[in-house]
Structure formats: C-alpha cells, structure tokens
N, C-alpha and C. Protein backbone atom coordinates (compact mmCIF):
# COMPACT_ATOMS: atom_id res chain seq x y z
N MET A 1 6.02 -8.85 -9.40
CA MET A 1 6.06 -7.62 -8.66
C MET A 1 6.83 -6.59 -9.47
N THR A 2 6.45 -5.36 -9.39
CA THR A 2 7.07 -4.29 -10.14
C THR A 2 8.41 -3.92 -9.52
N ASP A 3 9.40 -3.67 -10.36
CA ASP A 3 10.70 -3.23 -9.86
C ASP A 3 10.66 -1.72 -9.65
N THR A 4 10.62 -1.29 -8.39
CA THR A 4 10.51 0.14 -8.09
C THR A 4 11.81 0.68 -7.50
N ARG A 5 12.87 -0.09 -7.49
CA ARG A 5 14.10 0.32 -6.83
C ARG A 5 14.74 1.53 -7.49
N ARG A 6 14.57 1.72 -8.76
CA ARG A 6 15.22 2.81 -9.48
C ARG A 6 14.39 4.09 -9.47
N LYS A 7 13.18 4.02 -9.00
CA LYS A 7 12.29 5.17 -9.05
C LYS A 7 12.37 5.97 -7.76
N SER A 8 11.95 7.21 -7.82
CA SER A 8 11.98 8.06 -6.63
C SER A 8 10.92 7.61 -5.63
N PRO A 9 11.09 7.98 -4.35
CA PRO A 9 10.10 7.59 -3.35
C PRO A 9 8.69 8.06 -3.67
N GLY A 10 8.56 9.25 -4.26
CA GLY A 10 7.24 9.76 -4.61
C GLY A 10 6.54 8.87 -5.61
N SER A 11 7.26 8.40 -6.61
CA SER A 11 6.64 7.53 -7.61
C SER A 11 6.33 6.16 -7.01
N THR A 12 7.13 5.71 -6.05
CA THR A 12 6.84 4.45 -5.38
C THR A 12 5.54 4.55 -4.61
N VAL A 13 5.31 5.68 -3.96
CA VAL A 13 4.05 5.91 -3.24
C VAL A 13 2.88 5.87 -4.23
N ASP A 14 3.05 6.52 -5.37
CA ASP A 14 1.98 6.53 -6.37
C ASP A 14 1.68 5.13 -6.90
N LEU A 15 2.73 4.36 -7.16
CA LEU A 15 2.53 2.99 -7.66
C LEU A 15 1.84 2.11 -6.63
N LEU A 16 2.27 2.22 -5.38
CA LEU A 16 1.65 1.42 -4.32
C LEU A 16 0.21 1.87 -4.09
N ARG A 17 -0.03 3.17 -4.16
CA ARG A 17 -1.39 3.70 -4.01
C ARG A 17 -2.31 3.14 -5.09
N LYS A 18 -1.83 3.09 -6.33
CA LYS A 18 -2.63 2.54 -7.43
C LYS A 18 -2.95 1.07 -7.21
N ARG A 19 -1.95 0.31 -6.74
CA ARG A 19 -2.18 -1.12 -6.49
C ARG A 19 -3.23 -1.33 -5.40
N VAL A 20 -3.10 -0.58 -4.32
CA VAL A 20 -4.01 -0.74 -3.19
C VAL A 20 -5.42 -0.27 -3.56
N ARG A 21 -5.52 0.88 -4.20
CA ARG A 21 -6.83 1.39 -4.60
C ARG A 21 -7.48 0.52 -5.66
N GLY A 22 -6.67 -0.21 -6.41
CA GLY A 22 -7.20 -1.12 -7.42
C GLY A 22 -7.75 -2.41 -6.83
N GLY A 23 -7.67 -2.56 -5.53
CA GLY A 23 -8.25 -3.72 -4.87
C GLY A 23 -7.24 -4.78 -4.46
N ALA A 24 -5.96 -4.49 -4.59
CA ALA A 24 -4.95 -5.47 -4.23
C ALA A 24 -4.85 -5.60 -2.71
N ALA A 25 -4.61 -6.82 -2.27
CA ALA A 25 -4.27 -7.10 -0.88
C ALA A 25 -2.82 -7.57 -0.92
N ILE A 26 -1.92 -6.71 -0.51
CA ILE A 26 -0.49 -6.95 -0.69
C ILE A 26 0.09 -7.50 0.61
N GLN A 27 0.68 -8.67 0.53
CA GLN A 27 1.29 -9.27 1.70
C GLN A 27 2.55 -8.48 2.06
N LEU A 28 2.69 -8.09 3.32
CA LEU A 28 3.79 -7.22 3.74
C LEU A 28 5.16 -7.86 3.51
N ASP A 29 5.24 -9.17 3.57
CA ASP A 29 6.52 -9.86 3.38
C ASP A 29 7.05 -9.70 1.97
N THR A 30 6.21 -9.33 1.01
CA THR A 30 6.64 -9.22 -0.38
C THR A 30 7.14 -7.83 -0.73
N LEU A 31 7.00 -6.87 0.16
CA LEU A 31 7.39 -5.49 -0.13
C LEU A 31 8.88 -5.29 0.10
N ASP A 32 9.52 -4.52 -0.80
CA ASP A 32 10.93 -4.18 -0.61
C ASP A 32 11.03 -2.93 0.26
N GLU A 33 12.24 -2.45 0.46
CA GLU A 33 12.48 -1.32 1.37
C GLU A 33 11.75 -0.05 0.93
N LYS A 34 11.81 0.29 -0.35
CA LYS A 34 11.13 1.49 -0.85
C LYS A 34 9.62 1.37 -0.72
N GLU A 35 9.10 0.18 -0.98
CA GLU A 35 7.65 -0.02 -0.87
C GLU A 35 7.20 0.04 0.59
N LEU A 36 8.04 -0.40 1.52
CA LEU A 36 7.71 -0.29 2.93
C LEU A 36 7.66 1.17 3.37
N GLU A 37 8.57 1.99 2.84
CA GLU A 37 8.53 3.42 3.12
C GLU A 37 7.26 4.05 2.56
N ALA A 38 6.88 3.64 1.35
CA ALA A 38 5.66 4.14 0.72
C ALA A 38 4.43 3.68 1.50
N MET A 39 4.49 2.47 2.03
CA MET A 39 3.38 1.95 2.83
C MET A 39 3.14 2.83 4.05
N GLN A 40 4.19 3.31 4.68
CA GLN A 40 4.05 4.18 5.84
C GLN A 40 3.31 5.46 5.49
N VAL A 41 3.60 6.00 4.31
CA VAL A 41 2.91 7.22 3.87
C VAL A 41 1.41 6.95 3.75
N LEU A 42 1.06 5.82 3.15
CA LEU A 42 -0.35 5.47 2.97
C LEU A 42 -1.03 5.19 4.31
N LEU A 43 -0.32 4.55 5.22
CA LEU A 43 -0.90 4.26 6.54
C LEU A 43 -1.14 5.54 7.33
N PHE A 44 -0.16 6.44 7.34
CA PHE A 44 -0.28 7.66 8.12
C PHE A 44 -1.28 8.65 7.53
N SER A 45 -1.57 8.53 6.25
CA SER A 45 -2.58 9.41 5.64
C SER A 45 -3.96 8.73 5.62
N ASP A 46 -4.09 7.59 6.29
CA ASP A 46 -5.35 6.84 6.41
C ASP A 46 -5.90 6.40 5.06
N GLU A 47 -5.04 6.18 4.08
CA GLU A 47 -5.48 5.67 2.78
C GLU A 47 -5.48 4.15 2.76
N ALA A 48 -4.71 3.55 3.66
CA ALA A 48 -4.59 2.09 3.69
C ALA A 48 -4.54 1.64 5.14
N GLU A 49 -4.73 0.34 5.32
CA GLU A 49 -4.63 -0.25 6.64
C GLU A 49 -4.06 -1.65 6.52
N ILE A 50 -3.56 -2.17 7.63
CA ILE A 50 -3.03 -3.53 7.65
C ILE A 50 -4.07 -4.43 8.28
N ILE A 51 -4.37 -5.52 7.59
CA ILE A 51 -5.33 -6.49 8.12
C ILE A 51 -4.63 -7.83 8.27
N ASN A 52 -5.20 -8.69 9.07
CA ASN A 52 -4.69 -10.03 9.27
C ASN A 52 -5.62 -11.00 8.56
N SER A 53 -5.07 -11.76 7.63
CA SER A 53 -5.85 -12.76 6.91
C SER A 53 -5.02 -14.02 6.79
N ALA A 54 -5.56 -15.12 7.22
CA ALA A 54 -4.84 -16.40 7.20
C ALA A 54 -3.51 -16.30 7.96
N CYS A 55 -3.53 -15.58 9.06
CA CYS A 55 -2.37 -15.39 9.93
C CYS A 55 -1.21 -14.67 9.23
N LYS A 56 -1.51 -13.89 8.22
CA LYS A 56 -0.49 -13.11 7.51
C LYS A 56 -0.97 -11.67 7.39
N PRO A 57 -0.05 -10.69 7.52
CA PRO A 57 -0.44 -9.29 7.41
C PRO A 57 -0.52 -8.84 5.96
N PHE A 58 -1.59 -8.14 5.62
CA PHE A 58 -1.81 -7.62 4.28
C PHE A 58 -2.10 -6.13 4.34
N LEU A 59 -1.65 -5.40 3.33
CA LEU A 59 -1.95 -4.00 3.16
C LEU A 59 -3.13 -3.88 2.22
N VAL A 60 -4.18 -3.21 2.65
CA VAL A 60 -5.38 -3.03 1.83
C VAL A 60 -5.85 -1.58 1.94
N ALA A 61 -6.67 -1.17 0.99
CA ALA A 61 -7.23 0.18 1.01
C ALA A 61 -8.28 0.28 2.12
N ARG A 62 -8.34 1.43 2.73
CA ARG A 62 -9.41 1.66 3.72
C ARG A 62 -10.69 1.90 2.94
N ALA A 63 -11.70 1.12 3.22
CA ALA A 63 -12.96 1.18 2.48
C ALA A 63 -13.64 2.55 2.63
N ASP A 64 -13.59 3.13 3.82
CA ASP A 64 -14.25 4.42 4.01
C ASP A 64 -13.58 5.53 3.22
N ARG A 65 -12.28 5.44 2.96
CA ARG A 65 -11.57 6.46 2.18
C ARG A 65 -11.84 6.30 0.69
N ILE A 66 -12.02 5.08 0.21
CA ILE A 66 -12.24 4.83 -1.20
C ILE A 66 -13.70 5.11 -1.56
N LEU A 67 -14.62 4.67 -0.75
CA LEU A 67 -16.03 4.84 -1.06
C LEU A 67 -16.53 6.26 -0.81
N LEU A 68 -15.97 6.92 0.20
CA LEU A 68 -16.39 8.27 0.55
C LEU A 68 -15.17 9.19 0.51
N PRO A 69 -14.82 9.71 -0.66
CA PRO A 69 -13.63 10.55 -0.75
C PRO A 69 -13.80 11.84 0.06
N PRO A 70 -12.69 12.37 0.57
CA PRO A 70 -12.76 13.58 1.41
C PRO A 70 -13.20 14.82 0.64
C-alpha cells in the first residue's frame, strides 16, 4: 500500500481516484485515516461506491461514471 500520510489531502484524493479508476477493489479495512477522508470525497461526488463482496466492504469505481463521463 502506498504511504500517503505525508501528502496533502488533495493528493490523497488523486491517488485514491487513480487506484479506483484503474480497476482496483480496495477493502475498506486497509485504508488509513487520510484515505478514508479521500474515500468520502469520491463517494459524495459519485465517482465511487461501496460494494459487498465475500462479506467484506470494498471501494470500487462507479461503472456509469467511468464508462459515460459527464
């Protein structure tokens, strides 16, 4: 996992956005505090969503936002 603790919140959002848009399914338990804050930005802007897979929550890109850009 990338160490994002020293970076600003804006860059953390950008890094998480790149991971999610790249097809990553990120388990929420693995995110640190800054990444959880960045996750909220992505969720509220409808760029990502939380899904349940194998009884664990994952952050993934919203398919409609990636395939059909605004």
